[in-house]
Amino acid sequence: MEKELELTIEGYLLWQTLDSLPENEQRFIRLIIGYGASGLISDDDYSFLLQYLMTKDKELYEAREKIKRLS
């Protein structure tokens, strides 16, 4: 049960980050999440995707902050 809760929290974080990505990346990531939920990809691949999204989210946040400072 603990593993399921952990994946649910990771899934929630992924969905939050999706909103800030372009549509084509959103579609790709939704497919990967679906494959992960159905057990079609490994935990390592799912973790890699989470790391990728967190990096993207950080880059977007930093860019927005820079724009705010320049405005």
C-alpha atoms as a PDB file:
ATOM      1  CA  MET A   1       0.000   0.000   0.000  1.00  0.00           C
ATOM      2  CA  GLU A   2       2.820   2.390   0.770  1.00  0.00           C
ATOM      3  CA  LYS A   3       4.223   2.011  -2.757  1.00  0.00           C
ATOM      4  CA  GLU A   4       0.835   2.855  -4.266  1.00  0.00           C
ATOM      5  CA  LEU A   5       0.594   6.021  -2.179  1.00  0.00           C
ATOM      6  CA  GLU A   6       4.085   7.049  -3.233  1.00  0.00           C
ATOM      7  CA  LEU A   7       3.209   6.599  -6.901  1.00  0.00           C
ATOM      8  CA  THR A   8       0.001   8.542  -6.418  1.00  0.00           C
ATOM      9  CA  ILE A   9       1.937  11.489  -5.001  1.00  0.00           C
ATOM     10  CA  GLU A  10       4.451  11.289  -7.861  1.00  0.00           C
ATOM     11  CA  GLY A  11       1.594  11.133 -10.338  1.00  0.00           C
ATOM     12  CA  TYR A  12       0.027  14.207  -8.776  1.00  0.00           C
ATOM     13  CA  LEU A  13       3.303  16.120  -9.122  1.00  0.00           C
ATOM     14  CA  LEU A  14       3.567  15.062 -12.747  1.00  0.00           C
ATOM     15  CA  TRP A  15       0.057  16.271 -13.537  1.00  0.00           C
ATOM     16  CA  GLN A  16       0.763  19.622 -11.853  1.00  0.00           C
ATOM     17  CA  THR A  17       3.865  20.136 -13.965  1.00  0.00           C
ATOM     18  CA  LEU A  18       2.113  19.147 -17.186  1.00  0.00           C
ATOM     19  CA  ASP A  19       0.130  22.371 -17.351  1.00  0.00           C
ATOM     20  CA  SER A  20       3.272  24.420 -17.961  1.00  0.00           C
ATOM     21  CA  LEU A  21       4.544  22.294 -20.872  1.00  0.00           C
ATOM     22  CA  PRO A  22       3.707  22.559 -24.590  1.00  0.00           C
ATOM     23  CA  GLU A  23       0.807  20.406 -25.800  1.00  0.00           C
ATOM     24  CA  ASN A  24       2.977  17.861 -27.638  1.00  0.00           C
ATOM     25  CA  GLU A  25       5.068  17.245 -24.502  1.00  0.00           C
ATOM     26  CA  GLN A  26       1.890  16.957 -22.427  1.00  0.00           C
ATOM     27  CA  ARG A  27       0.544  14.234 -24.719  1.00  0.00           C
ATOM     28  CA  PHE A  28       3.817  12.307 -24.593  1.00  0.00           C
ATOM     29  CA  ILE A  29       3.992  12.459 -20.811  1.00  0.00           C
ATOM     30  CA  ARG A  30       0.352  11.420 -20.402  1.00  0.00           C
ATOM     31  CA  LEU A  31       1.140   8.328 -22.466  1.00  0.00           C
ATOM     32  CA  ILE A  32       4.138   7.517 -20.277  1.00  0.00           C
ATOM     33  CA  ILE A  33       2.076   8.010 -17.105  1.00  0.00           C
ATOM     34  CA  GLY A  34      -0.550   5.660 -18.502  1.00  0.00           C
ATOM     35  CA  TYR A  35       2.074   3.052 -19.326  1.00  0.00           C
ATOM     36  CA  GLY A  36       3.566   3.434 -15.848  1.00  0.00           C
ATOM     37  CA  ALA A  37       0.185   3.052 -14.167  1.00  0.00           C
ATOM     38  CA  SER A  38      -0.510  -0.115 -16.128  1.00  0.00           C
ATOM     39  CA  GLY A  39       2.941  -1.546 -15.389  1.00  0.00           C
ATOM     40  CA  LEU A  40       4.134  -1.353 -18.991  1.00  0.00           C
ATOM     41  CA  ILE A  41       7.282   0.640 -18.131  1.00  0.00           C
ATOM     42  CA  SER A  42       9.790   0.041 -15.389  1.00  0.00           C
ATOM     43  CA  ASP A  43      10.057   1.990 -12.145  1.00  0.00           C
ATOM     44  CA  ASP A  44      13.425   3.287 -13.362  1.00  0.00           C
ATOM     45  CA  ASP A  45      11.858   4.758 -16.499  1.00  0.00           C
ATOM     46  CA  TYR A  46       9.062   6.299 -14.456  1.00  0.00           C
ATOM     47  CA  SER A  47      11.596   7.840 -12.055  1.00  0.00           C
ATOM     48  CA  PHE A  48      13.585   9.183 -15.004  1.00  0.00           C
ATOM     49  CA  LEU A  49      10.452  10.873 -16.323  1.00  0.00           C
ATOM     50  CA  LEU A  50       9.754  12.422 -12.936  1.00  0.00           C
ATOM     51  CA  GLN A  51      13.300  13.806 -12.780  1.00  0.00           C
ATOM     52  CA  TYR A  52      12.903  15.219 -16.286  1.00  0.00           C
ATOM     53  CA  LEU A  53       9.683  16.988 -15.391  1.00  0.00           C
ATOM     54  CA  MET A  54      11.094  18.417 -12.193  1.00  0.00           C
ATOM     55  CA  THR A  55      14.028  19.833 -14.181  1.00  0.00           C
ATOM     56  CA  LYS A  56      11.640  21.335 -16.740  1.00  0.00           C
ATOM     57  CA  ASP A  57       9.515  22.810 -13.974  1.00  0.00           C
ATOM     58  CA  LYS A  58      12.572  24.411 -12.369  1.00  0.00           C
ATOM     59  CA  GLU A  59      13.688  25.874 -15.713  1.00  0.00           C
ATOM     60  CA  LEU A  60      10.235  27.338 -16.342  1.00  0.00           C
ATOM     61  CA  TYR A  61      10.057  28.790 -12.834  1.00  0.00           C
ATOM     62  CA  GLU A  62      13.481  30.426 -13.190  1.00  0.00           C
ATOM     63  CA  ALA A  63      12.551  31.876 -16.587  1.00  0.00           C
ATOM     64  CA  ARG A  64       9.311  33.324 -15.198  1.00  0.00           C
ATOM     65  CA  GLU A  65      11.170  34.873 -12.262  1.00  0.00           C
ATOM     66  CA  LYS A  66      13.717  36.428 -14.621  1.00  0.00           C
ATOM     67  CA  ILE A  67      10.924  37.900 -16.742  1.00  0.00           C
ATOM     68  CA  LYS A  68       9.285  39.349 -13.619  1.00  0.00           C
ATOM     69  CA  ARG A  69      12.560  40.978 -12.567  1.00  0.00           C
ATOM     70  CA  LEU A  70      13.068  42.486 -16.023  1.00  0.00           C
ATOM     71  CA  SER A  71       9.518  43.852 -16.203  1.00  0.00           C
END
